[in-house]
Amino acid sequence: MPFKSQAQRRKFAELLVKGEISKETYEEWNRETGSKRLPERAKPKAKKKPTTRAKGKTRKR
């Protein structure tokens, strides 16, 4: 899975130095990312707005 941001790449490098992930894992992610231009921070996905029922027919009581 490729990196999504520069911040994520730095975090993985920090985990590598601490020994919490293997060098192979870091290299795999780095290889899949390639030389892409990454944003500093990844933007959260927009939340879907709830859909409303169509106006029109109403129930008789």
C-alpha atoms as a PDB file:
ATOM      1  CA  MET A   1       0.000   0.000   0.000  1.00  0.00           C
ATOM      2  CA  PRO A   2       1.577   3.325  -0.992  1.00  0.00           C
ATOM      3  CA  PHE A   3       2.048   6.320   1.309  1.00  0.00           C
ATOM      4  CA  LYS A   4      -0.711   8.918   1.162  1.00  0.00           C
ATOM      5  CA  SER A   5       1.211  11.883   2.561  1.00  0.00           C
ATOM      6  CA  GLN A   6       4.638  13.141   3.551  1.00  0.00           C
ATOM      7  CA  ALA A   7       3.575  13.020   7.206  1.00  0.00           C
ATOM      8  CA  GLN A   8       2.759   9.315   6.888  1.00  0.00           C
ATOM      9  CA  ARG A   9       6.147   8.659   5.279  1.00  0.00           C
ATOM     10  CA  ARG A  10       7.913  10.444   8.169  1.00  0.00           C
ATOM     11  CA  LYS A  11       5.888   8.460  10.726  1.00  0.00           C
ATOM     12  CA  PHE A  12       6.888   5.160   9.100  1.00  0.00           C
ATOM     13  CA  ALA A  13      10.539   6.263   9.053  1.00  0.00           C
ATOM     14  CA  GLU A  14      10.267   7.028  12.779  1.00  0.00           C
ATOM     15  CA  LEU A  15       8.733   3.594  13.452  1.00  0.00           C
ATOM     16  CA  LEU A  16      11.557   2.004  11.452  1.00  0.00           C
ATOM     17  CA  VAL A  17      14.193   3.762  13.571  1.00  0.00           C
ATOM     18  CA  LYS A  18      12.422   2.649  16.769  1.00  0.00           C
ATOM     19  CA  GLY A  19      12.326  -0.916  15.459  1.00  0.00           C
ATOM     20  CA  GLU A  20       8.512  -1.165  15.504  1.00  0.00           C
ATOM     21  CA  ILE A  21       8.316  -2.091  11.809  1.00  0.00           C
ATOM     22  CA  SER A  22      10.719  -4.011   9.618  1.00  0.00           C
ATOM     23  CA  LYS A  23      12.937  -2.502   6.946  1.00  0.00           C
ATOM     24  CA  GLU A  24      11.166  -4.719   4.388  1.00  0.00           C
ATOM     25  CA  THR A  25       7.769  -3.208   5.266  1.00  0.00           C
ATOM     26  CA  TYR A  26       9.085   0.341   4.931  1.00  0.00           C
ATOM     27  CA  GLU A  27      10.821  -0.443   1.643  1.00  0.00           C
ATOM     28  CA  GLU A  28       7.688  -2.106   0.240  1.00  0.00           C
ATOM     29  CA  TRP A  29       5.559   0.966   0.978  1.00  0.00           C
ATOM     30  CA  ASN A  30       8.266   3.274  -0.341  1.00  0.00           C
ATOM     31  CA  ARG A  31       8.649   1.257  -3.546  1.00  0.00           C
ATOM     32  CA  GLU A  32       4.887   1.250  -4.193  1.00  0.00           C
ATOM     33  CA  THR A  33       4.723   5.025  -3.689  1.00  0.00           C
ATOM     34  CA  GLY A  34       7.551   5.659  -6.126  1.00  0.00           C
ATOM     35  CA  SER A  35       8.557   9.248  -6.793  1.00  0.00           C
ATOM     36  CA  LYS A  36       5.016  10.619  -6.553  1.00  0.00           C
ATOM     37  CA  ARG A  37       4.569  14.166  -5.315  1.00  0.00           C
ATOM     38  CA  LEU A  38       2.755  13.698  -2.002  1.00  0.00           C
ATOM     39  CA  PRO A  39       0.771  16.308  -0.063  1.00  0.00           C
ATOM     40  CA  GLU A  40       2.068  17.304   3.371  1.00  0.00           C
ATOM     41  CA  ARG A  41      -1.124  15.992   5.002  1.00  0.00           C
ATOM     42  CA  ALA A  42      -3.827  13.725   3.617  1.00  0.00           C
ATOM     43  CA  LYS A  43      -7.271  15.292   3.539  1.00  0.00           C
ATOM     44  CA  PRO A  44     -10.079  13.362   5.241  1.00  0.00           C
ATOM     45  CA  LYS A  45     -12.746  12.021   2.932  1.00  0.00           C
ATOM     46  CA  ALA A  46     -15.929  14.069   2.762  1.00  0.00           C
ATOM     47  CA  LYS A  47     -18.820  12.626   4.719  1.00  0.00           C
ATOM     48  CA  LYS A  48     -21.945  11.724   2.795  1.00  0.00           C
ATOM     49  CA  LYS A  49     -24.970  13.824   3.531  1.00  0.00           C
ATOM     50  CA  PRO A  50     -28.038  11.853   4.603  1.00  0.00           C
ATOM     51  CA  THR A  51     -30.639  11.558   1.899  1.00  0.00           C
ATOM     52  CA  THR A  52     -34.150  12.777   2.518  1.00  0.00           C
ATOM     53  CA  ARG A  53     -37.349  11.264   1.283  1.00  0.00           C
ATOM     54  CA  ALA A  54     -38.899  12.827  -1.771  1.00  0.00           C
ATOM     55  CA  LYS A  55     -41.722  15.247  -1.081  1.00  0.00           C
ATOM     56  CA  GLY A  56     -45.060  14.515  -2.581  1.00  0.00           C
ATOM     57  CA  LYS A  57     -47.417  11.812  -1.485  1.00  0.00           C
ATOM     58  CA  THR A  58     -48.247  11.760   2.205  1.00  0.00           C
ATOM     59  CA  ARG A  59     -49.879   8.984   4.142  1.00  0.00           C
ATOM     60  CA  LYS A  60     -53.496   9.296   5.149  1.00  0.00           C
ATOM     61  CA  ARG A  61     -54.254   8.623   8.782  1.00  0.00           C
END
